[in-house]
C-alpha cells in the first residue's frame, strides 16, 4: 500500500498567529495538499465550472502531469534504505507533490 499523492512533509516552514516555525509529518502535508486542491476547486467554481469532486478519477486519468515526479532516492527506516524510486514509480510519494498551476490547467479540462 502506498499513497496516491504526497508533498513536503519534513522541515515545513509555517507562519501562524505571528509566530514562525518548522513542522514535520502529516501535520504539514495534509493541510498543504488540501489547500492546493481547495484553490483549484475555487478557481473552477469562480469560472462557472463544477468542482473536482472525488479526486482519484481526475488524478489517475490526467492528473499525474500536475505533480512533481520524485525520481531519485528511497525511503528510510529501521536503519536501512528501501523502496527505491524510478521515473513515474515511487511507492513512497506515488505521483509526487502537487503543483498548483499545472493542476489548475489540467482541472479546467476535466469533467466526469
N, C-alpha and C. Protein backbone atom coordinates (compact mmCIF):
# COMPACT_ATOMS: atom_id res chain seq x y z
N UNK A 1 0.84 -1.19 0.00
CA UNK A 1 0.00 0.00 0.00
C UNK A 1 0.88 1.24 0.00
N UNK A 2 0.51 2.20 -0.81
CA UNK A 2 1.26 3.46 -0.88
C UNK A 2 0.29 4.59 -1.18
N UNK A 3 0.69 5.81 -0.88
CA UNK A 3 -0.22 6.95 -1.09
C UNK A 3 -0.41 7.26 -2.57
N UNK A 4 -1.49 7.97 -2.89
CA UNK A 4 -1.70 8.44 -4.26
C UNK A 4 -0.88 9.69 -4.53
N UNK A 5 -0.79 10.58 -3.54
CA UNK A 5 -0.05 11.83 -3.68
C UNK A 5 0.71 12.10 -2.40
N UNK A 6 1.61 13.05 -2.46
CA UNK A 6 2.38 13.43 -1.28
C UNK A 6 2.80 14.88 -1.43
N UNK A 7 3.50 15.39 -0.44
CA UNK A 7 4.01 16.76 -0.51
C UNK A 7 5.10 16.92 0.54
N UNK A 8 5.72 18.08 0.52
CA UNK A 8 6.74 18.39 1.50
C UNK A 8 6.22 18.07 2.90
N UNK A 9 6.94 17.27 3.63
CA UNK A 9 6.50 16.93 4.96
C UNK A 9 7.60 16.98 6.00
N UNK A 10 8.79 17.38 5.60
CA UNK A 10 9.92 17.42 6.52
C UNK A 10 10.46 18.83 6.56
N UNK A 11 10.53 19.39 7.74
CA UNK A 11 11.01 20.76 7.94
C UNK A 11 10.21 21.76 7.12
N UNK A 12 8.91 21.68 7.23
CA UNK A 12 7.98 22.55 6.52
C UNK A 12 7.85 23.87 7.29
N UNK A 13 8.21 24.96 6.65
CA UNK A 13 8.14 26.27 7.31
C UNK A 13 6.69 26.75 7.37
N UNK A 14 6.31 27.33 8.51
CA UNK A 14 4.96 27.88 8.64
C UNK A 14 5.01 29.21 9.37
N UNK A 15 3.93 29.95 9.21
CA UNK A 15 3.73 31.21 9.94
C UNK A 15 2.31 31.17 10.47
N UNK A 16 2.15 31.19 11.79
CA UNK A 16 0.84 31.09 12.40
C UNK A 16 0.77 31.97 13.62
N UNK A 17 -0.26 32.80 13.67
CA UNK A 17 -0.54 33.62 14.84
C UNK A 17 0.67 34.47 15.24
N UNK A 18 1.36 35.02 14.23
CA UNK A 18 2.51 35.87 14.48
C UNK A 18 3.80 35.14 14.81
N UNK A 19 3.79 33.83 14.67
CA UNK A 19 4.96 33.02 15.02
C UNK A 19 5.43 32.23 13.82
N UNK A 20 6.73 32.23 13.59
CA UNK A 20 7.32 31.39 12.55
C UNK A 20 7.83 30.12 13.19
N UNK A 21 7.77 29.04 12.43
CA UNK A 21 8.27 27.78 12.96
C UNK A 21 8.47 26.75 11.86
N UNK A 22 8.82 25.56 12.27
CA UNK A 22 9.03 24.44 11.36
C UNK A 22 8.29 23.24 11.94
N UNK A 23 7.68 22.47 11.06
CA UNK A 23 6.94 21.28 11.47
C UNK A 23 7.23 20.16 10.49
N UNK A 24 7.09 18.92 10.91
CA UNK A 24 7.31 17.78 10.03
C UNK A 24 6.15 16.80 10.16
N UNK A 25 5.94 16.01 9.12
CA UNK A 25 4.94 14.96 9.15
C UNK A 25 3.64 15.33 8.45
N UNK A 26 2.62 14.51 8.69
CA UNK A 26 1.33 14.72 8.04
C UNK A 26 0.68 16.03 8.48
N UNK A 27 1.11 16.57 9.62
CA UNK A 27 0.59 17.86 10.07
C UNK A 27 0.98 18.97 9.09
N UNK A 28 2.00 18.76 8.29
CA UNK A 28 2.41 19.71 7.27
C UNK A 28 1.81 19.35 5.92
N UNK A 29 1.88 18.10 5.55
CA UNK A 29 1.46 17.65 4.23
C UNK A 29 -0.04 17.77 3.99
N UNK A 30 -0.84 17.30 4.92
CA UNK A 30 -2.29 17.27 4.69
C UNK A 30 -2.90 18.66 4.48
N UNK A 31 -2.61 19.64 5.34
CA UNK A 31 -3.19 20.97 5.09
C UNK A 31 -2.66 21.61 3.80
N UNK A 32 -1.39 21.39 3.47
CA UNK A 32 -0.84 21.94 2.23
C UNK A 32 -1.58 21.39 1.02
N UNK A 33 -1.70 20.08 0.95
CA UNK A 33 -2.34 19.45 -0.20
C UNK A 33 -3.82 19.78 -0.28
N UNK A 34 -4.52 19.74 0.84
CA UNK A 34 -5.96 20.07 0.80
C UNK A 34 -6.16 21.54 0.43
N UNK A 35 -5.24 22.41 0.84
CA UNK A 35 -5.32 23.82 0.46
C UNK A 35 -5.14 24.01 -1.04
N UNK A 36 -4.20 23.29 -1.63
CA UNK A 36 -3.98 23.39 -3.07
C UNK A 36 -5.21 22.90 -3.83
N UNK A 37 -5.77 21.78 -3.44
CA UNK A 37 -6.97 21.26 -4.11
C UNK A 37 -8.14 22.21 -3.91
N UNK A 38 -8.26 22.82 -2.74
CA UNK A 38 -9.32 23.81 -2.49
C UNK A 38 -9.17 25.02 -3.39
N UNK A 39 -7.94 25.47 -3.62
CA UNK A 39 -7.71 26.60 -4.53
C UNK A 39 -8.07 26.24 -5.97
N UNK A 40 -7.79 25.01 -6.38
CA UNK A 40 -8.19 24.56 -7.71
C UNK A 40 -9.71 24.56 -7.82
N UNK A 41 -10.39 23.99 -6.81
CA UNK A 41 -11.86 23.98 -6.82
C UNK A 41 -12.43 25.39 -6.83
N UNK A 42 -11.85 26.29 -6.06
CA UNK A 42 -12.31 27.67 -6.01
C UNK A 42 -12.22 28.32 -7.39
N UNK A 43 -11.09 28.12 -8.07
CA UNK A 43 -10.91 28.69 -9.40
C UNK A 43 -11.91 28.10 -10.39
N UNK A 44 -12.19 26.81 -10.28
CA UNK A 44 -13.18 26.19 -11.16
C UNK A 44 -14.56 26.78 -10.93
N UNK A 45 -14.96 26.90 -9.67
CA UNK A 45 -16.29 27.42 -9.33
C UNK A 45 -16.44 28.86 -9.78
N UNK A 46 -15.43 29.68 -9.56
CA UNK A 46 -15.47 31.09 -9.98
C UNK A 46 -15.65 31.20 -11.49
N UNK A 47 -15.07 30.26 -12.24
CA UNK A 47 -15.19 30.31 -13.70
C UNK A 47 -16.43 29.58 -14.21
N UNK A 48 -17.33 29.19 -13.29
CA UNK A 48 -18.59 28.57 -13.67
C UNK A 48 -18.51 27.08 -13.95
N UNK A 49 -17.41 26.45 -13.59
CA UNK A 49 -17.24 25.01 -13.81
C UNK A 49 -17.47 24.28 -12.50
N UNK A 50 -17.81 22.98 -12.56
CA UNK A 50 -18.01 22.22 -11.32
C UNK A 50 -16.69 21.93 -10.62
N UNK A 51 -16.77 21.74 -9.32
CA UNK A 51 -15.60 21.34 -8.53
C UNK A 51 -15.17 19.93 -8.92
N UNK A 52 -13.96 19.56 -8.56
CA UNK A 52 -13.42 18.27 -8.95
C UNK A 52 -14.20 17.09 -8.39
N UNK A 53 -14.76 17.22 -7.20
CA UNK A 53 -15.46 16.09 -6.60
C UNK A 53 -14.46 15.03 -6.16
N UNK A 54 -14.84 13.75 -6.33
CA UNK A 54 -13.95 12.65 -5.96
C UNK A 54 -12.68 12.77 -6.77
N UNK A 55 -11.56 12.94 -6.12
CA UNK A 55 -10.31 13.32 -6.76
C UNK A 55 -9.61 12.20 -7.52
N UNK A 56 -9.71 10.97 -7.08
CA UNK A 56 -8.94 9.89 -7.70
C UNK A 56 -9.16 9.73 -9.20
N UNK A 57 -10.40 9.77 -9.72
CA UNK A 57 -10.55 9.64 -11.18
C UNK A 57 -9.81 10.72 -11.95
N UNK A 58 -9.81 11.94 -11.45
CA UNK A 58 -9.09 13.03 -12.11
C UNK A 58 -7.59 12.78 -12.08
N UNK A 59 -7.08 12.42 -10.93
CA UNK A 59 -5.64 12.19 -10.80
C UNK A 59 -5.19 11.05 -11.70
N UNK A 60 -5.93 9.94 -11.68
CA UNK A 60 -5.50 8.78 -12.44
C UNK A 60 -5.74 8.92 -13.93
N UNK A 61 -6.66 9.79 -14.37
CA UNK A 61 -6.90 9.93 -15.80
C UNK A 61 -5.95 10.92 -16.45
N UNK A 62 -5.67 12.03 -15.80
CA UNK A 62 -4.79 13.01 -16.42
C UNK A 62 -3.98 13.83 -15.43
N UNK A 63 -4.18 13.63 -14.15
CA UNK A 63 -3.57 14.47 -13.14
C UNK A 63 -2.10 14.27 -12.89
N UNK A 64 -1.52 13.14 -13.32
CA UNK A 64 -0.12 12.91 -12.98
C UNK A 64 0.79 13.98 -13.55
N UNK A 65 0.36 14.67 -14.59
CA UNK A 65 1.16 15.78 -15.14
C UNK A 65 1.15 16.98 -14.21
N UNK A 66 0.28 16.99 -13.22
CA UNK A 66 0.19 18.10 -12.29
C UNK A 66 0.96 17.88 -10.99
N UNK A 67 1.84 16.89 -10.99
CA UNK A 67 2.61 16.57 -9.80
C UNK A 67 4.10 16.48 -10.14
N UNK A 68 4.94 16.79 -9.17
CA UNK A 68 6.38 16.69 -9.33
C UNK A 68 6.80 15.24 -9.14
N UNK A 69 7.33 14.65 -10.16
CA UNK A 69 7.76 13.26 -10.10
C UNK A 69 9.05 13.14 -9.28
N UNK A 70 9.03 12.30 -8.27
CA UNK A 70 10.22 12.03 -7.47
C UNK A 70 11.02 10.95 -8.19
N UNK A 71 12.21 11.29 -8.67
CA UNK A 71 12.97 10.35 -9.50
C UNK A 71 14.23 9.83 -8.84
N UNK A 72 14.63 10.39 -7.71
CA UNK A 72 15.84 9.96 -7.02
C UNK A 72 15.55 9.69 -5.56
N UNK A 73 16.25 8.72 -5.00
CA UNK A 73 16.15 8.48 -3.57
C UNK A 73 15.38 7.23 -3.22
N UNK A 74 15.16 7.07 -1.94
CA UNK A 74 14.42 5.92 -1.43
C UNK A 74 13.90 6.26 -0.05
N UNK A 75 13.02 5.42 0.45
CA UNK A 75 12.54 5.61 1.82
C UNK A 75 13.63 5.19 2.79
N UNK A 76 13.47 5.58 4.03
CA UNK A 76 14.45 5.21 5.03
C UNK A 76 13.72 4.84 6.31
N UNK A 77 14.10 3.75 6.91
CA UNK A 77 13.51 3.34 8.18
C UNK A 77 14.24 2.12 8.72
N UNK A 78 14.18 1.94 10.00
CA UNK A 78 14.82 0.80 10.67
C UNK A 78 16.30 0.71 10.30
N UNK A 79 16.94 1.87 10.20
CA UNK A 79 18.37 1.96 9.91
C UNK A 79 18.77 1.36 8.55
N UNK A 80 17.85 1.41 7.59
CA UNK A 80 18.16 0.91 6.25
C UNK A 80 17.35 1.70 5.22
N UNK A 81 17.86 1.76 3.99
CA UNK A 81 17.12 2.36 2.89
C UNK A 81 16.29 1.28 2.21
N UNK A 82 15.18 1.67 1.69
CA UNK A 82 14.32 0.72 0.99
C UNK A 82 13.43 1.45 0.01
N UNK A 83 12.63 0.74 -0.73
CA UNK A 83 11.70 1.31 -1.69
C UNK A 83 12.34 2.37 -2.57
N UNK A 84 13.33 2.01 -3.39
CA UNK A 84 13.94 2.99 -4.28
C UNK A 84 12.94 3.49 -5.33
N UNK A 85 13.13 4.73 -5.75
CA UNK A 85 12.24 5.32 -6.73
C UNK A 85 12.81 5.22 -8.14
N UNK A 86 11.96 5.41 -9.10
CA UNK A 86 12.33 5.45 -10.52
C UNK A 86 11.37 6.43 -11.18
N UNK A 87 11.71 6.94 -12.35
CA UNK A 87 10.77 7.86 -13.02
C UNK A 87 9.37 7.25 -13.13
N UNK A 88 8.38 8.02 -12.68
CA UNK A 88 6.96 7.65 -12.67
C UNK A 88 6.64 6.42 -11.83
N UNK A 89 7.53 6.04 -10.93
CA UNK A 89 7.22 4.98 -9.97
C UNK A 89 7.91 5.26 -8.67
N UNK A 90 7.12 5.49 -7.66
CA UNK A 90 7.65 5.73 -6.33
C UNK A 90 6.61 5.29 -5.32
N UNK A 91 6.85 4.19 -4.60
CA UNK A 91 5.86 3.71 -3.65
C UNK A 91 5.71 4.60 -2.41
N UNK A 92 6.62 5.54 -2.22
CA UNK A 92 6.53 6.41 -1.05
C UNK A 92 5.74 7.68 -1.37
N UNK A 93 5.98 8.29 -2.53
CA UNK A 93 5.29 9.53 -2.88
C UNK A 93 4.30 9.37 -4.03
N UNK A 94 4.24 8.22 -4.64
CA UNK A 94 3.37 7.89 -5.78
C UNK A 94 3.52 8.93 -6.89
N UNK A 95 2.51 9.77 -7.11
CA UNK A 95 2.60 10.77 -8.18
C UNK A 95 3.53 11.91 -7.79
N UNK A 96 3.68 12.20 -6.52
CA UNK A 96 4.56 13.25 -6.06
C UNK A 96 3.82 14.44 -5.49
N UNK A 97 4.49 15.57 -5.45
CA UNK A 97 3.98 16.79 -4.84
C UNK A 97 3.10 17.56 -5.83
N UNK A 98 1.92 18.01 -5.40
CA UNK A 98 1.05 18.77 -6.32
C UNK A 98 1.67 20.11 -6.71
N UNK A 99 1.46 20.49 -7.97
CA UNK A 99 1.94 21.77 -8.50
C UNK A 99 0.70 22.55 -8.92
N UNK A 100 0.37 23.60 -8.16
CA UNK A 100 -0.89 24.32 -8.35
C UNK A 100 -1.15 24.77 -9.79
N UNK A 101 -0.24 25.50 -10.46
CA UNK A 101 -0.58 25.97 -11.81
C UNK A 101 -0.89 24.84 -12.80
N UNK A 102 -0.13 23.74 -12.71
CA UNK A 102 -0.38 22.61 -13.61
C UNK A 102 -1.70 21.92 -13.28
N UNK A 103 -1.99 21.75 -11.99
CA UNK A 103 -3.25 21.13 -11.61
C UNK A 103 -4.44 21.99 -12.04
N UNK A 104 -4.30 23.29 -11.89
CA UNK A 104 -5.38 24.19 -12.30
C UNK A 104 -5.63 24.08 -13.79
N UNK A 105 -4.57 24.05 -14.58
CA UNK A 105 -4.73 23.92 -16.04
C UNK A 105 -5.37 22.59 -16.40
N UNK A 106 -4.91 21.50 -15.78
CA UNK A 106 -5.48 20.18 -16.06
C UNK A 106 -6.95 20.11 -15.63
N UNK A 107 -7.26 20.69 -14.50
CA UNK A 107 -8.62 20.63 -13.97
C UNK A 107 -9.60 21.40 -14.85
N UNK A 108 -9.13 22.44 -15.52
CA UNK A 108 -10.01 23.22 -16.39
C UNK A 108 -10.61 22.41 -17.51
N UNK A 109 -9.95 21.33 -17.91
CA UNK A 109 -10.45 20.48 -18.98
C UNK A 109 -10.97 19.15 -18.51
N UNK A 110 -11.08 18.96 -17.19
CA UNK A 110 -11.50 17.66 -16.67
C UNK A 110 -12.96 17.71 -16.21
N UNK A 111 -13.75 16.85 -16.77
CA UNK A 111 -15.14 16.68 -16.31
C UNK A 111 -15.46 15.20 -16.35
N UNK A 112 -16.20 14.75 -15.36
CA UNK A 112 -16.54 13.32 -15.31
C UNK A 112 -18.04 13.12 -15.31
